[in-house]
Amino acid sequence: MLLEKNAKLVFIGDSVTDCGRARPVGEGLFGAIGTGYVGYVNALLDATVPQRKIRVINMGTSGNTVRDLEARWQADVVDLKPDWLSVMIGINDVWRQYDCPLQTESHVYPDEYAGTLERLVTCTKPLVKGLVLMTPYYMEPNRDDPMRRTMDQYGAIVKEIANRCGTHFIDTQAAFDVYFQEYHPNNVAWDRIHPNHIGHMILAREFLKAVGYVWNPNRSGNVPRL
């Protein structure tokens, strides 16, 4: 696994990352890390590789766009001095264009999204050992749906930045699309955005795969891979 012993792993994003995490820093007792995929990642790491002593911190904030991330980046990322950083942002950048179409001041269009995200990645990558970029997603199997089409555009931007900057990349939309071959999106998220426990486990699985995690509770030669 790529996460070293005693590594500090920070997650930042919007409500999908937030999931009720503690303020000002999402770390500590009694659900302080949140109830979503960040908590699942933390639980699996602590339960299966406790000797690594990986410190997980949740800095997601509900409603955030990449514009909001830039405004709090110094305090919520740089000042925390992470060894590893995971970024998943873009859902609200797209969603506000569809649920608040007339409030254009809240819209973050592709050029601003790409420029801001790449600026944050470029300035932060030298400060960390590893950086993971996760795409935004929309739980709509119909790729011709307008919001799904726009979300795919923003996901492609994340992939381009990951390739250009040499970061790890997770296509969360692709992971959900595989699930939708078997189940309707309503089984995962009533609003096509905020996942239930199943959706959050899919996100946790994709993150752990990206950092080379192998669940090997029996330490045998035959290991199931996530």
C-alpha atoms as a PDB file:
ATOM      1  CA  MET A   1       0.000   0.000   0.000  1.00  0.00           C
ATOM      2  CA  LEU A   2       1.215   3.481  -0.827  1.00  0.00           C
ATOM      3  CA  LEU A   3       0.178   5.046   2.481  1.00  0.00           C
ATOM      4  CA  GLU A   4       3.234   4.944   4.708  1.00  0.00           C
ATOM      5  CA  LYS A   5       3.323   4.287   8.434  1.00  0.00           C
ATOM      6  CA  ASN A   6       2.258   7.350  10.460  1.00  0.00           C
ATOM      7  CA  ALA A   7       1.001   9.102   7.318  1.00  0.00           C
ATOM      8  CA  LYS A   8      -1.467  11.950   7.718  1.00  0.00           C
ATOM      9  CA  LEU A   9      -4.244  11.626   5.129  1.00  0.00           C
ATOM     10  CA  VAL A  10      -6.521  14.635   4.547  1.00  0.00           C
ATOM     11  CA  PHE A  11      -9.746  14.516   2.519  1.00  0.00           C
ATOM     12  CA  ILE A  12     -11.279  17.739   1.222  1.00  0.00           C
ATOM     13  CA  GLY A  13     -14.454  18.317  -0.763  1.00  0.00           C
ATOM     14  CA  ASP A  14     -18.158  19.109  -0.486  1.00  0.00           C
ATOM     15  CA  SER A  15     -21.111  17.519   1.338  1.00  0.00           C
ATOM     16  CA  VAL A  16     -20.328  14.046   0.009  1.00  0.00           C
ATOM     17  CA  THR A  17     -17.030  14.275   1.885  1.00  0.00           C
ATOM     18  CA  ASP A  18     -18.356  16.291   4.842  1.00  0.00           C
ATOM     19  CA  CYS A  19     -21.107  13.940   6.088  1.00  0.00           C
ATOM     20  CA  GLY A  20     -21.436  15.673   9.457  1.00  0.00           C
ATOM     21  CA  ARG A  21     -17.742  15.845  10.327  1.00  0.00           C
ATOM     22  CA  ALA A  22     -16.612  17.863  13.347  1.00  0.00           C
ATOM     23  CA  ARG A  23     -15.561  21.523  13.182  1.00  0.00           C
ATOM     24  CA  PRO A  24     -13.089  23.057  12.791  1.00  0.00           C
ATOM     25  CA  VAL A  25     -11.210  19.837  12.025  1.00  0.00           C
ATOM     26  CA  GLY A  26     -12.920  16.543  11.219  1.00  0.00           C
ATOM     27  CA  GLU A  27     -11.019  14.260  13.529  1.00  0.00           C
ATOM     28  CA  GLY A  28     -11.639  12.711  16.920  1.00  0.00           C
ATOM     29  CA  LEU A  29     -14.244  10.740  18.853  1.00  0.00           C
ATOM     30  CA  PHE A  30     -17.960  10.133  18.389  1.00  0.00           C
ATOM     31  CA  GLY A  31     -18.264  10.383  14.628  1.00  0.00           C
ATOM     32  CA  ALA A  32     -16.054  13.461  14.298  1.00  0.00           C
ATOM     33  CA  ILE A  33     -14.690  12.113  11.035  1.00  0.00           C
ATOM     34  CA  GLY A  34     -18.158  11.970   9.480  1.00  0.00           C
ATOM     35  CA  THR A  35     -20.463   9.138   8.464  1.00  0.00           C
ATOM     36  CA  GLY A  36     -19.472   8.788   4.805  1.00  0.00           C
ATOM     37  CA  TYR A  37     -16.691   7.339   2.682  1.00  0.00           C
ATOM     38  CA  VAL A  38     -13.943   9.083   4.674  1.00  0.00           C
ATOM     39  CA  GLY A  39     -15.145   7.286   7.801  1.00  0.00           C
ATOM     40  CA  TYR A  40     -15.225   3.984   5.916  1.00  0.00           C
ATOM     41  CA  VAL A  41     -11.669   4.490   4.688  1.00  0.00           C
ATOM     42  CA  ASN A  42     -10.551   5.291   8.209  1.00  0.00           C
ATOM     43  CA  ALA A  43     -12.350   2.264   9.667  1.00  0.00           C
ATOM     44  CA  LEU A  44     -10.902  -0.168   7.139  1.00  0.00           C
ATOM     45  CA  LEU A  45      -7.378   1.155   7.572  1.00  0.00           C
ATOM     46  CA  ASP A  46      -7.573   1.073  11.367  1.00  0.00           C
ATOM     47  CA  ALA A  47      -9.173  -2.367  11.438  1.00  0.00           C
ATOM     48  CA  THR A  48      -6.966  -4.141   8.910  1.00  0.00           C
ATOM     49  CA  VAL A  49      -3.598  -2.367   9.060  1.00  0.00           C
ATOM     50  CA  PRO A  50      -3.490  -0.909  12.589  1.00  0.00           C
ATOM     51  CA  GLN A  51       0.294  -1.122  12.616  1.00  0.00           C
ATOM     52  CA  ARG A  52       0.397   1.631   9.950  1.00  0.00           C
ATOM     53  CA  LYS A  53      -1.188   4.138  12.358  1.00  0.00           C
ATOM     54  CA  ILE A  54      -2.549   6.247   9.501  1.00  0.00           C
ATOM     55  CA  ARG A  55      -4.148   9.493  10.671  1.00  0.00           C
ATOM     56  CA  VAL A  56      -7.261  10.395   8.666  1.00  0.00           C
ATOM     57  CA  ILE A  57      -8.739  13.919   8.710  1.00  0.00           C
ATOM     58  CA  ASN A  58     -11.968  15.040   7.036  1.00  0.00           C
ATOM     59  CA  MET A  59     -12.095  18.638   5.773  1.00  0.00           C
ATOM     60  CA  GLY A  60     -15.176  18.388   3.558  1.00  0.00           C
ATOM     61  CA  THR A  61     -17.667  21.273   3.717  1.00  0.00           C
ATOM     62  CA  SER A  62     -21.238  20.964   2.502  1.00  0.00           C
ATOM     63  CA  GLY A  63     -22.174  23.156  -0.460  1.00  0.00           C
ATOM     64  CA  ASN A  64     -18.608  23.892  -1.495  1.00  0.00           C
ATOM     65  CA  THR A  65     -17.421  24.515  -5.025  1.00  0.00           C
ATOM     66  CA  VAL A  66     -13.806  24.664  -6.146  1.00  0.00           C
ATOM     67  CA  ARG A  67     -14.065  28.414  -5.589  1.00  0.00           C
ATOM     68  CA  ASP A  68     -14.813  27.782  -1.897  1.00  0.00           C
ATOM     69  CA  LEU A  69     -11.963  25.300  -1.644  1.00  0.00           C
ATOM     70  CA  GLU A  70      -9.492  27.892  -2.883  1.00  0.00           C
ATOM     71  CA  ALA A  71     -10.690  30.375  -0.255  1.00  0.00           C
ATOM     72  CA  ARG A  72      -9.988  27.948   2.613  1.00  0.00           C
ATOM     73  CA  TRP A  73      -7.079  26.007   1.125  1.00  0.00           C
ATOM     74  CA  GLN A  74      -4.351  27.517   3.292  1.00  0.00           C
ATOM     75  CA  ALA A  75      -6.104  26.789   6.598  1.00  0.00           C
ATOM     76  CA  ASP A  76      -7.763  23.505   5.671  1.00  0.00           C
ATOM     77  CA  VAL A  77      -5.005  21.889   3.631  1.00  0.00           C
ATOM     78  CA  VAL A  78      -1.602  23.572   3.743  1.00  0.00           C
ATOM     79  CA  ASP A  79      -1.616  24.386   7.461  1.00  0.00           C
ATOM     80  CA  LEU A  80      -2.535  20.776   8.313  1.00  0.00           C
ATOM     81  CA  LYS A  81       0.652  19.551   6.598  1.00  0.00           C
ATOM     82  CA  PRO A  82      -0.791  16.343   5.129  1.00  0.00           C
ATOM     83  CA  ASP A  83       1.387  13.568   3.764  1.00  0.00           C
ATOM     84  CA  TRP A  84      -1.432  12.545   1.457  1.00  0.00           C
ATOM     85  CA  LEU A  85      -4.309  14.633   0.141  1.00  0.00           C
ATOM     86  CA  SER A  86      -7.525  13.521  -1.560  1.00  0.00           C
ATOM     87  CA  VAL A  87      -9.684  16.063  -3.407  1.00  0.00           C
ATOM     88  CA  MET A  88     -13.219  15.460  -4.669  1.00  0.00           C
ATOM     89  CA  ILE A  89     -14.948  18.631  -5.851  1.00  0.00           C
ATOM     90  CA  GLY A  90     -17.185  19.695  -8.716  1.00  0.00           C
ATOM     91  CA  ILE A  91     -20.664  18.429  -7.903  1.00  0.00           C
ATOM     92  CA  ASN A  92     -21.936  21.823  -6.746  1.00  0.00           C
ATOM     93  CA  ASP A  93     -20.003  23.596  -9.494  1.00  0.00           C
ATOM     94  CA  VAL A  94     -22.280  21.714 -11.902  1.00  0.00           C
ATOM     95  CA  TRP A  95     -25.443  21.346  -9.785  1.00  0.00           C
ATOM     96  CA  ARG A  96     -25.922  25.073  -9.196  1.00  0.00           C
ATOM     97  CA  GLN A  97     -26.174  25.520 -12.964  1.00  0.00           C
ATOM     98  CA  TYR A  98     -29.262  23.276 -12.921  1.00  0.00           C
ATOM     99  CA  ASP A  99     -31.035  23.803  -9.585  1.00  0.00           C
ATOM    100  CA  CYS A 100     -30.329  27.568  -9.485  1.00  0.00           C
ATOM    101  CA  PRO A 101     -30.146  28.415 -13.194  1.00  0.00           C
ATOM    102  CA  LEU A 102     -30.838  32.146 -12.752  1.00  0.00           C
ATOM    103  CA  GLN A 103     -28.343  32.678  -9.922  1.00  0.00           C
ATOM    104  CA  THR A 104     -25.384  32.798 -12.246  1.00  0.00           C
ATOM    105  CA  GLU A 105     -23.106  34.287  -9.610  1.00  0.00           C
ATOM    106  CA  SER A 106     -23.045  30.856  -7.922  1.00  0.00           C
ATOM    107  CA  HIS A 107     -22.120  28.998 -11.123  1.00  0.00           C
ATOM    108  CA  VAL A 108     -18.566  27.767 -11.632  1.00  0.00           C
ATOM    109  CA  TYR A 109     -18.089  27.167 -15.348  1.00  0.00           C
ATOM    110  CA  PRO A 110     -15.493  24.831 -16.886  1.00  0.00           C
ATOM    111  CA  ASP A 111     -12.731  27.386 -17.447  1.00  0.00           C
ATOM    112  CA  GLU A 112     -12.829  28.634 -13.856  1.00  0.00           C
ATOM    113  CA  TYR A 113     -13.155  25.101 -12.516  1.00  0.00           C
ATOM    114  CA  ALA A 114     -10.179  23.825 -14.496  1.00  0.00           C
ATOM    115  CA  GLY A 115      -7.989  26.834 -13.760  1.00  0.00           C
ATOM    116  CA  THR A 116      -8.704  26.870 -10.035  1.00  0.00           C
ATOM    117  CA  LEU A 117      -8.323  23.121  -9.527  1.00  0.00           C
ATOM    118  CA  GLU A 118      -5.074  22.968 -11.461  1.00  0.00           C
ATOM    119  CA  ARG A 119      -3.718  25.958  -9.544  1.00  0.00           C
ATOM    120  CA  LEU A 120      -4.467  24.245  -6.217  1.00  0.00           C
ATOM    121  CA  VAL A 121      -2.962  20.957  -7.370  1.00  0.00           C
ATOM    122  CA  THR A 122       0.162  22.594  -8.780  1.00  0.00           C
ATOM    123  CA  CYS A 123       0.945  24.564  -5.638  1.00  0.00           C
ATOM    124  CA  THR A 124       0.210  21.656  -3.294  1.00  0.00           C
ATOM    125  CA  LYS A 125       1.782  18.674  -5.037  1.00  0.00           C
ATOM    126  CA  PRO A 126       5.358  19.574  -3.968  1.00  0.00           C
ATOM    127  CA  LEU A 127       4.189  19.714  -0.335  1.00  0.00           C
ATOM    128  CA  VAL A 128       2.761  16.178  -0.124  1.00  0.00           C
ATOM    129  CA  LYS A 129       3.921  12.617  -0.755  1.00  0.00           C
ATOM    130  CA  GLY A 130       0.781  11.725  -2.643  1.00  0.00           C
ATOM    131  CA  LEU A 131      -2.237  13.505  -4.119  1.00  0.00           C
ATOM    132  CA  VAL A 132      -5.464  11.837  -5.268  1.00  0.00           C
ATOM    133  CA  LEU A 133      -8.016  13.527  -7.531  1.00  0.00           C
ATOM    134  CA  MET A 134     -11.533  12.078  -7.538  1.00  0.00           C
ATOM    135  CA  THR A 135     -14.048  13.088 -10.184  1.00  0.00           C
ATOM    136  CA  PRO A 136     -17.438  14.554  -9.395  1.00  0.00           C
ATOM    137  CA  TYR A 137     -20.375  12.351 -10.399  1.00  0.00           C
ATOM    138  CA  TYR A 138     -24.104  12.330 -11.074  1.00  0.00           C
ATOM    139  CA  MET A 139     -26.037   9.130 -10.428  1.00  0.00           C
ATOM    140  CA  GLU A 140     -27.830   9.180 -13.759  1.00  0.00           C
ATOM    141  CA  PRO A 141     -27.120   6.294 -16.162  1.00  0.00           C
ATOM    142  CA  ASN A 142     -28.441   8.254 -19.162  1.00  0.00           C
ATOM    143  CA  ARG A 143     -25.344   9.965 -20.525  1.00  0.00           C
ATOM    144  CA  ASP A 144     -27.532  12.267 -22.643  1.00  0.00           C
ATOM    145  CA  ASP A 145     -29.175  13.765 -19.576  1.00  0.00           C
ATOM    146  CA  PRO A 146     -28.033  17.434 -19.529  1.00  0.00           C
ATOM    147  CA  MET A 147     -26.649  17.409 -15.996  1.00  0.00           C
ATOM    148  CA  ARG A 148     -24.947  14.038 -16.507  1.00  0.00           C
ATOM    149  CA  ARG A 149     -23.403  15.355 -19.719  1.00  0.00           C
ATOM    150  CA  THR A 150     -22.054  18.429 -17.925  1.00  0.00           C
ATOM    151  CA  MET A 151     -20.795  16.371 -14.993  1.00  0.00           C
ATOM    152  CA  ASP A 152     -18.918  14.119 -17.419  1.00  0.00           C
ATOM    153  CA  GLN A 153     -17.279  17.236 -18.861  1.00  0.00           C
ATOM    154  CA  TYR A 154     -16.046  18.234 -15.405  1.00  0.00           C
ATOM    155  CA  GLY A 155     -14.883  14.692 -14.743  1.00  0.00           C
ATOM    156  CA  ALA A 156     -12.843  14.827 -17.944  1.00  0.00           C
ATOM    157  CA  ILE A 157     -11.241  18.038 -16.691  1.00  0.00           C
ATOM    158  CA  VAL A 158     -10.179  16.274 -13.489  1.00  0.00           C
ATOM    159  CA  LYS A 159      -8.656  13.457 -15.524  1.00  0.00           C
ATOM    160  CA  GLU A 160      -6.731  15.914 -17.715  1.00  0.00           C
ATOM    161  CA  ILE A 161      -5.345  17.715 -14.661  1.00  0.00           C
ATOM    162  CA  ALA A 162      -4.387  14.424 -12.999  1.00  0.00           C
ATOM    163  CA  ASN A 163      -2.534  13.335 -16.136  1.00  0.00           C
ATOM    164  CA  ARG A 164      -0.839  16.683 -16.598  1.00  0.00           C
ATOM    165  CA  CYS A 165       0.195  17.064 -12.952  1.00  0.00           C
ATOM    166  CA  GLY A 166       1.053  13.420 -12.321  1.00  0.00           C
ATOM    167  CA  THR A 167      -1.427  12.703  -9.519  1.00  0.00           C
ATOM    168  CA  HIS A 168      -3.454   9.614  -8.722  1.00  0.00           C
ATOM    169  CA  PHE A 169      -6.870   9.617 -10.391  1.00  0.00           C
ATOM    170  CA  ILE A 170     -10.230   8.047  -9.467  1.00  0.00           C
ATOM    171  CA  ASP A 171     -13.167   7.966 -11.884  1.00  0.00           C
ATOM    172  CA  THR A 172     -16.043   7.814  -9.403  1.00  0.00           C
ATOM    173  CA  GLN A 173     -18.627   8.128 -12.195  1.00  0.00           C
ATOM    174  CA  ALA A 174     -17.288   4.982 -13.855  1.00  0.00           C
ATOM    175  CA  ALA A 175     -17.536   3.106 -10.550  1.00  0.00           C
ATOM    176  CA  PHE A 176     -21.182   4.093 -10.120  1.00  0.00           C
ATOM    177  CA  ASP A 177     -21.942   3.251 -13.755  1.00  0.00           C
ATOM    178  CA  VAL A 178     -20.833  -0.334 -13.113  1.00  0.00           C
ATOM    179  CA  TYR A 179     -23.220  -0.522 -10.152  1.00  0.00           C
ATOM    180  CA  PHE A 180     -26.072   0.862 -12.267  1.00  0.00           C
ATOM    181  CA  GLN A 181     -25.817  -2.123 -14.571  1.00  0.00           C
ATOM    182  CA  GLU A 182     -27.450  -4.050 -11.719  1.00  0.00           C
ATOM    183  CA  TYR A 183     -29.421  -1.504  -9.685  1.00  0.00           C
ATOM    184  CA  HIS A 184     -31.378   1.718 -10.183  1.00  0.00           C
ATOM    185  CA  PRO A 185     -29.747   4.897  -8.798  1.00  0.00           C
ATOM    186  CA  ASN A 186     -32.579   5.249  -6.271  1.00  0.00           C
ATOM    187  CA  ASN A 187     -31.038   2.292  -4.444  1.00  0.00           C
ATOM    188  CA  VAL A 188     -27.990   4.453  -3.730  1.00  0.00           C
ATOM    189  CA  ALA A 189     -29.113   8.097  -3.628  1.00  0.00           C
ATOM    190  CA  TRP A 190     -32.613   9.592  -3.656  1.00  0.00           C
ATOM    191  CA  ASP A 191     -31.371  12.886  -5.138  1.00  0.00           C
ATOM    192  CA  ARG A 192     -28.769  11.291  -7.455  1.00  0.00           C
ATOM    193  CA  ILE A 193     -25.994  13.031  -5.474  1.00  0.00           C
ATOM    194  CA  HIS A 194     -25.851  12.160  -1.766  1.00  0.00           C
ATOM    195  CA  PRO A 195     -25.066   8.453  -1.367  1.00  0.00           C
ATOM    196  CA  ASN A 196     -26.368   6.060   1.237  1.00  0.00           C
ATOM    197  CA  HIS A 197     -24.034   3.554   2.912  1.00  0.00           C
ATOM    198  CA  ILE A 198     -23.743   1.556  -0.324  1.00  0.00           C
ATOM    199  CA  GLY A 199     -22.664   4.548  -2.372  1.00  0.00           C
ATOM    200  CA  HIS A 200     -20.190   5.669   0.259  1.00  0.00           C
ATOM    201  CA  MET A 201     -18.679   2.193   0.362  1.00  0.00           C
ATOM    202  CA  ILE A 202     -18.222   2.334  -3.416  1.00  0.00           C
ATOM    203  CA  LEU A 203     -16.335   5.616  -3.009  1.00  0.00           C
ATOM    204  CA  ALA A 204     -14.236   4.210  -0.157  1.00  0.00           C
ATOM    205  CA  ARG A 205     -13.423   1.117  -2.217  1.00  0.00           C
ATOM    206  CA  GLU A 206     -12.278   3.216  -5.178  1.00  0.00           C
ATOM    207  CA  PHE A 207     -10.049   5.369  -2.991  1.00  0.00           C
ATOM    208  CA  LEU A 208      -8.447   2.366  -1.321  1.00  0.00           C
ATOM    209  CA  LYS A 209      -7.855   0.681  -4.678  1.00  0.00           C
ATOM    210  CA  ALA A 210      -6.116   3.832  -5.902  1.00  0.00           C
ATOM    211  CA  VAL A 211      -3.629   3.761  -3.015  1.00  0.00           C
ATOM    212  CA  GLY A 212      -2.891   0.064  -3.399  1.00  0.00           C
ATOM    213  CA  TYR A 213      -4.814  -1.187  -0.386  1.00  0.00           C
ATOM    214  CA  VAL A 214      -5.294  -4.956  -0.163  1.00  0.00           C
ATOM    215  CA  TRP A 215      -7.667  -6.377   2.422  1.00  0.00           C
ATOM    216  CA  ASN A 216      -5.815  -9.389   3.777  1.00  0.00           C
ATOM    217  CA  PRO A 217      -7.239 -10.192   7.205  1.00  0.00           C
ATOM    218  CA  ASN A 218      -5.831 -13.737   7.220  1.00  0.00           C
ATOM    219  CA  ARG A 219      -2.424 -12.722   5.847  1.00  0.00           C
ATOM    220  CA  SER A 220      -2.582 -15.716   3.504  1.00  0.00           C
ATOM    221  CA  GLY A 221      -1.374 -15.973  -0.063  1.00  0.00           C
ATOM    222  CA  ASN A 222      -4.940 -15.886  -1.367  1.00  0.00           C
ATOM    223  CA  VAL A 223      -6.050 -12.300  -0.794  1.00  0.00           C
ATOM    224  CA  PRO A 224      -9.274 -10.713  -1.974  1.00  0.00           C
ATOM    225  CA  ARG A 225      -8.630  -7.362  -3.606  1.00  0.00           C
ATOM    226  CA  LEU A 226     -11.082  -4.510  -3.276  1.00  0.00           C
END
